[in-house]
Protein backbone atom coordinates (compact mmCIF):
# COMPACT_ATOMS: atom_id res chain seq x y z
CA MET A 1 100.04 78.33 98.42
CA ILE A 2 103.81 78.10 97.93
CA GLY A 3 105.16 81.54 98.87
CA ARG A 4 108.89 80.88 98.85
CA ILE A 5 111.21 78.11 97.77
CA ARG A 6 114.76 77.41 98.88
CA GLY A 7 116.97 74.65 97.57
CA LYS A 8 119.65 73.74 95.06
CA LEU A 9 119.58 74.97 91.46
CA VAL A 10 119.93 71.83 89.33
CA GLU A 11 118.95 73.09 85.88
CA LYS A 12 118.42 76.43 84.18
CA GLN A 13 117.03 76.99 80.72
CA PRO A 14 115.25 80.33 81.19
CA PRO A 15 112.45 80.91 81.63
CA ASP A 16 112.38 77.37 83.10
CA ILE A 17 114.56 76.26 85.99
CA LEU A 18 114.62 73.26 88.33
CA VAL A 19 115.11 73.67 92.08
CA GLU A 20 115.75 70.61 94.23
CA VAL A 21 114.26 70.71 97.71
CA ASN A 22 114.85 67.64 99.90
CA GLY A 23 115.09 65.35 96.89
CA VAL A 24 112.07 66.83 95.06
CA CYS A 25 112.70 68.96 91.96
CA TYR A 26 110.30 71.84 91.39
CA GLU A 27 109.81 73.35 87.95
CA VAL A 28 109.82 77.13 88.27
CA GLN A 29 109.34 79.76 85.59
CA VAL A 30 111.29 82.98 86.11
CA PRO A 31 111.51 86.31 84.27
CA MET A 32 114.84 87.18 82.65
CA THR A 33 115.46 89.86 85.28
CA THR A 34 115.61 87.00 87.80
CA ALA A 35 117.41 84.62 85.43
CA TYR A 36 120.31 87.07 85.14
CA ARG A 37 120.81 86.78 88.92
CA LEU A 38 120.75 83.00 89.14
CA PRO A 39 123.80 81.32 90.67
CA GLU A 40 125.75 78.51 89.03
CA ILE A 41 124.26 75.02 88.79
CA GLY A 42 124.60 73.22 92.11
CA LYS A 43 124.48 76.38 94.20
CA ASP A 44 121.77 77.18 96.76
CA ILE A 45 118.96 79.48 95.68
CA GLN A 46 115.95 81.14 97.27
CA LEU A 47 113.05 82.58 95.31
CA HIS A 48 109.79 84.33 96.15
CA THR A 49 107.08 82.35 94.41
CA HIS A 50 103.55 82.62 93.08
CA PHE A 51 101.59 79.38 92.62
CA VAL A 52 98.94 79.12 89.90
CA VAL A 53 96.47 76.24 89.69
CA ARG A 54 94.66 75.68 86.40
CA GLU A 55 92.46 72.86 85.16
CA ASP A 56 95.28 71.53 82.98
CA ALA A 57 98.38 72.53 84.96
CA GLN A 58 99.93 73.68 88.23
CA LEU A 59 102.53 76.38 87.63
CA LEU A 60 105.12 77.92 89.93
CA TYR A 61 106.61 81.32 89.14
CA GLY A 62 109.76 82.50 90.90
CA PHE A 63 111.27 85.94 91.54
CA HIS A 64 114.57 87.19 92.92
CA GLN A 65 112.96 90.01 94.90
CA GLN A 66 109.65 90.38 96.72
CA GLN A 67 108.85 93.53 94.75
CA ASP A 68 109.06 91.55 91.48
CA LYS A 69 106.53 89.08 92.86
CA ASP A 70 104.30 91.98 93.98
CA MET A 71 104.49 93.50 90.50
CA PHE A 72 103.68 90.14 88.88
CA ARG A 73 100.58 89.82 91.05
CA ALA A 74 99.50 93.36 90.23
CA LEU A 75 99.95 92.75 86.51
CA ILE A 76 97.88 89.55 86.33
CA LYS A 77 94.95 91.43 87.87
CA VAL A 78 94.78 93.60 84.77
CA ASN A 79 92.15 92.48 82.26
CA GLY A 80 93.79 90.59 79.41
CA VAL A 81 97.13 90.12 81.17
CA GLY A 82 97.93 86.54 82.15
CA PRO A 83 101.00 85.05 83.83
CA LYS A 84 102.77 84.58 80.49
CA MET A 85 102.48 88.24 79.55
CA ALA A 86 103.33 89.40 83.08
CA LEU A 87 106.47 87.26 82.94
CA ALA A 88 107.35 88.77 79.55
CA ILE A 89 106.95 92.30 80.95
CA LEU A 90 109.21 91.56 83.91
CA SER A 91 111.69 89.98 81.50
CA GLY A 92 111.77 93.15 79.43
CA MET A 93 112.34 95.61 82.27
CA GLU A 94 112.93 95.81 86.01
CA ALA A 95 109.90 96.45 88.24
CA ASP A 96 111.08 99.99 89.05
CA ASP A 97 111.57 100.72 85.33
CA PHE A 98 108.03 99.52 84.65
CA VAL A 99 106.74 101.90 87.35
CA ARG A 100 108.53 104.80 85.66
CA THR A 101 107.14 103.73 82.29
CA VAL A 102 103.60 103.85 83.67
CA GLN A 103 104.25 107.11 85.50
CA ASN A 104 105.60 108.75 82.32
CA ASN A 105 102.82 107.35 80.09
CA ASP A 106 105.56 105.89 77.92
CA VAL A 107 103.56 103.78 75.46
CA SER A 108 106.54 103.36 73.10
CA ALA A 109 108.66 101.72 75.83
CA MET A 110 105.80 99.37 76.65
CA VAL A 111 105.22 98.45 73.00
CA SER A 112 108.91 97.60 72.59
CA MET A 113 108.39 94.48 74.69
CA PRO A 114 107.41 91.22 72.90
CA GLY A 115 103.68 90.54 72.80
CA ILE A 116 102.63 94.04 73.89
CA GLY A 117 100.61 95.95 71.31
CA LYS A 118 99.60 99.60 71.48
CA LYS A 119 96.11 98.94 72.85
CA THR A 120 97.45 96.59 75.52
CA ALA A 121 100.15 99.11 76.44
CA GLU A 122 97.61 101.91 76.81
CA ARG A 123 95.35 99.71 78.95
CA LEU A 124 98.28 98.68 81.14
CA ILE A 125 99.27 102.28 81.75
CA VAL A 126 95.71 103.33 82.65
CA GLU A 127 94.93 100.35 84.90
CA MET A 128 98.33 100.15 86.59
CA ARG A 129 98.59 103.86 87.40
CA ASP A 130 96.35 103.64 90.47
CA ARG A 131 97.70 100.25 91.53
CA LEU A 132 101.22 101.70 91.60
CA SER A 133 100.34 104.95 93.38
CA GLU A 134 102.17 103.85 96.55
CA TRP A 135 105.06 102.15 94.76
CA GLN A 136 106.94 105.35 93.82
CA ALA A 137 107.02 106.56 97.42
CA ALA A 138 108.10 103.17 98.72
CA GLY A 139 110.96 102.67 96.30
CA ASP A 140 112.37 99.22 97.08
CA PRO A 141 111.03 98.79 100.61
CA MET A 142 111.72 95.09 100.98
CA VAL A 143 115.41 95.55 100.25
CA SER A 144 115.81 98.66 102.38
CA ALA A 145 114.21 97.02 105.43
CA ALA A 146 116.48 93.99 105.17
CA ALA A 147 119.53 96.18 104.67
CA LEU A 148 118.77 98.21 107.77
CA CYS A 149 118.97 95.11 109.95
CA GLY A 150 122.24 93.90 108.46
CA GLY A 151 120.68 91.09 106.43
CA SER A 152 118.95 89.46 109.43
CA SER A 153 115.67 87.66 108.77
CA PHE A 154 113.66 89.25 111.60
CA ALA A 155 112.73 92.30 109.50
CA ARG A 156 111.37 90.01 106.80
CA ASP A 157 109.48 88.00 109.45
CA ALA A 158 107.95 91.21 110.78
CA GLU A 159 106.84 92.28 107.30
CA THR A 160 105.34 88.84 106.67
CA ALA A 161 103.37 89.07 109.93
CA LEU A 162 102.02 92.50 108.98
CA LEU A 163 100.96 91.20 105.58
CA ALA A 164 99.09 88.37 107.33
CA LEU A 165 97.24 91.02 109.34
CA GLY A 166 95.99 92.60 106.12
CA TYR A 167 98.45 95.44 105.56
CA LYS A 168 99.70 96.12 102.03
CA PRO A 169 103.34 95.19 101.22
CA GLN A 170 104.33 98.85 100.87
CA GLN A 171 102.67 99.77 104.19
CA ALA A 172 104.37 96.91 106.02
CA ALA A 173 107.79 97.67 104.55
CA ARG A 174 107.57 101.38 105.29
CA ALA A 175 106.50 100.73 108.89
CA VAL A 176 109.31 98.23 109.49
CA SER A 177 111.90 100.53 107.89
CA ALA A 178 110.73 103.47 110.01
CA VAL A 179 110.94 101.46 113.23
CA LEU A 180 114.43 100.21 112.39
CA LYS A 181 115.62 103.73 111.66
CA GLY A 182 114.22 105.10 114.92
CA ASN A 183 115.04 102.05 117.05
CA PRO A 184 118.31 100.52 115.83
CA ASP A 185 118.58 98.38 118.99
CA VAL A 186 115.49 96.30 118.13
CA ALA A 187 116.77 92.73 117.81
CA ASP A 188 113.75 90.45 117.42
CA SER A 189 110.68 90.26 115.23
CA GLU A 190 108.12 90.39 118.08
CA ALA A 191 109.33 93.78 119.28
CA LEU A 192 109.58 95.00 115.70
CA ILE A 193 106.00 93.94 114.93
CA ARG A 194 104.68 95.58 118.09
CA LEU A 195 106.41 98.90 117.34
CA ALA A 196 105.40 98.79 113.68
CA LEU A 197 101.75 98.24 114.58
CA LYS A 198 101.91 101.09 117.11
CA SER A 199 103.34 103.42 114.44
CA MET A 200 100.41 102.70 112.10
CA LEU A 201 97.66 103.39 114.66
């Protein structure tokens, strides 16, 4: 599984981009919400990725934020929604806007996106409502946790460790954010993980 990619952006023709990593160029498909945030050609880039293996292809999807990747993974679990449609949805609206659309039962907003008919929109709203029950309370947890530690990577490392232990992304992010708020002097991921685990017992 390729979970993240970092390298140089060498080509962008959304939804397809090329990222060079140590001389190897990876083809990555991105939603337009990520494409809008891409740097200029030749600049460094880092994306959260989801790797799909099919009989006829191996596909890599990239996202600017972890929450976009989480939403993509939630969408493709819905019956009848594949990676192509999930990418189209995340191209049509931000992840938080999609959450509000589901929460407000806004079928018309869903139908306004290419490839989404009324029946598909209704099914998406019904099936995604429970999957997104924790999302509203979490807001943008991945960003807030990173911001609290001044952009350092140890908060992200702590969240990744909690995910590996089986906690949901929203649970891990909330725990890390809470620890950082209550313990601003924490300066390494090991201490952060220990305190986060203690807070969830």
